[in-house]
Amino acid sequence: MSKILYSDKHIQIFEDKLRFKSWCLPWGKKDVKLSHVKKISEKKMGLFSGRLRISGSNNFRDWFHFDATRPAKKKAIVLETDFHVYKRLWITPEKHNIAFNVLKKLI
């Protein structure tokens, strides 16, 4: 097993993958290999750009993992992947800056 570089209530970042502890609702783990991530960016979230989305998607392009505290957060990390469905994974870690810096070094 690879080394954990970041961990919080919702996600874990390993050297080779990102693990969602709550992919859909408060259950359902999912691993995403970092080799599938092509680009990383930060996005501000507003009322109409993901801040109120607790989980899921309203299109086939973006996916938001379960995070009941997302309405209180202002920024998200967006991972652009080579997947056919849900090309952008929006993550909202508890320690945004630390997680973003770890992911920037890996991607």
Protein backbone atom coordinates (compact mmCIF):
# COMPACT_ATOMS: atom_id res chain seq x y z
CA MET A 1 0.00 0.00 0.00
CA SER A 2 1.26 3.46 -0.82
CA LYS A 3 1.91 6.17 1.72
CA ILE A 4 -0.92 8.52 2.81
CA LEU A 5 0.08 12.14 2.12
CA TYR A 6 -3.18 13.78 3.24
CA SER A 7 -6.27 12.53 5.04
CA ASP A 8 -9.48 14.04 6.37
CA LYS A 9 -13.10 13.05 6.92
CA HIS A 10 -13.90 12.79 3.19
CA ILE A 11 -10.72 12.09 1.22
CA GLN A 12 -7.29 10.53 1.41
CA ILE A 13 -4.44 11.37 -0.95
CA PHE A 14 -1.89 8.65 -1.58
CA GLU A 15 1.21 8.79 -3.78
CA ASP A 16 -0.69 7.15 -6.65
CA LYS A 17 -4.42 7.63 -5.99
CA LEU A 18 -7.14 9.70 -4.40
CA ARG A 19 -9.61 7.87 -2.17
CA PHE A 20 -13.08 9.26 -1.62
CA LYS A 21 -14.33 7.94 1.70
CA SER A 22 -17.84 9.14 0.85
CA TRP A 23 -18.24 9.11 -2.92
CA CYS A 24 -22.02 9.04 -2.88
CA LEU A 25 -23.96 10.01 0.23
CA PRO A 26 -22.14 9.15 3.44
CA TRP A 27 -21.05 5.74 2.17
CA GLY A 28 -19.47 4.24 -0.89
CA LYS A 29 -15.69 4.48 -1.16
CA LYS A 30 -14.05 5.08 -4.52
CA ASP A 31 -10.43 5.25 -5.60
CA VAL A 32 -9.28 7.40 -8.52
CA LYS A 33 -5.78 6.78 -9.85
CA LEU A 34 -3.85 10.00 -10.19
CA SER A 35 -2.68 8.88 -13.62
CA HIS A 36 -6.25 9.64 -14.81
CA VAL A 37 -6.02 13.26 -13.60
CA LYS A 38 -4.84 15.57 -16.36
CA LYS A 39 -5.20 18.99 -14.73
CA ILE A 40 -5.83 20.50 -11.31
CA SER A 41 -7.27 23.91 -10.49
CA GLU A 42 -9.00 25.88 -7.76
CA LYS A 43 -12.48 27.28 -8.28
CA LYS A 44 -14.56 29.65 -6.22
CA MET A 45 -17.97 28.23 -5.42
CA GLY A 46 -21.10 30.36 -5.43
CA LEU A 47 -24.79 29.71 -5.04
CA PHE A 48 -25.05 28.50 -8.64
CA SER A 49 -21.61 26.92 -8.99
CA GLY A 50 -21.58 23.98 -6.62
CA ARG A 51 -21.68 25.51 -3.18
CA LEU A 52 -25.15 24.15 -2.40
CA ARG A 53 -24.56 20.74 -3.99
CA ILE A 54 -24.08 18.24 -1.17
CA SER A 55 -23.38 15.27 -3.46
CA GLY A 56 -23.77 14.07 -7.02
CA SER A 57 -24.21 15.93 -10.28
CA ASN A 58 -26.79 17.65 -12.43
CA ASN A 59 -24.90 16.89 -15.65
CA PHE A 60 -22.54 14.23 -16.98
CA ARG A 61 -19.46 16.45 -16.71
CA ASP A 62 -19.05 17.32 -13.02
CA TRP A 63 -19.15 15.16 -9.89
CA PHE A 64 -19.26 16.34 -6.28
CA HIS A 65 -18.41 13.79 -3.59
CA PHE A 66 -20.61 13.80 -0.48
CA ASP A 67 -19.79 16.75 1.79
CA ALA A 68 -22.54 18.05 4.07
CA THR A 69 -20.33 21.03 5.02
CA ARG A 70 -19.82 22.21 1.41
CA PRO A 71 -22.36 25.10 1.70
CA ALA A 72 -20.03 26.72 4.26
CA LYS A 73 -16.97 26.44 1.98
CA LYS A 74 -15.99 29.00 -0.61
CA LYS A 75 -13.38 27.12 -2.70
CA ALA A 76 -13.08 23.72 -4.31
CA ILE A 77 -10.31 21.78 -6.02
CA VAL A 78 -11.29 20.63 -9.49
CA LEU A 79 -9.58 17.59 -10.98
CA GLU A 80 -9.97 17.25 -14.73
CA THR A 81 -9.77 13.60 -15.76
CA ASP A 82 -9.71 11.49 -18.89
CA PHE A 83 -12.95 9.75 -17.89
CA HIS A 84 -15.82 9.66 -20.42
CA VAL A 85 -18.42 10.56 -17.80
CA TYR A 86 -17.78 13.00 -14.94
CA LYS A 87 -14.66 14.55 -16.43
CA ARG A 88 -14.36 17.04 -13.56
CA LEU A 89 -14.25 15.89 -9.94
CA TRP A 90 -14.91 18.68 -7.47
CA ILE A 91 -13.38 18.06 -4.05
CA THR A 92 -13.73 20.12 -0.92
CA PRO A 93 -11.14 18.95 1.60
CA GLU A 94 -11.17 20.17 5.18
CA LYS A 95 -7.68 21.68 4.79
CA HIS A 96 -7.95 23.09 1.28
CA ASN A 97 -4.47 24.62 0.93
CA ILE A 98 -2.63 21.55 2.21
CA ALA A 99 -4.57 19.17 -0.04
CA PHE A 100 -4.16 21.46 -3.07
CA ASN A 101 -0.37 21.69 -2.57
CA VAL A 102 -0.05 17.92 -2.18
CA LEU A 103 -2.06 17.31 -5.36
CA LYS A 104 -0.09 19.95 -7.32
CA LYS A 105 3.13 18.10 -6.53
CA LEU A 106 1.67 14.77 -7.64
CA ILE A 107 0.02 15.87 -10.88
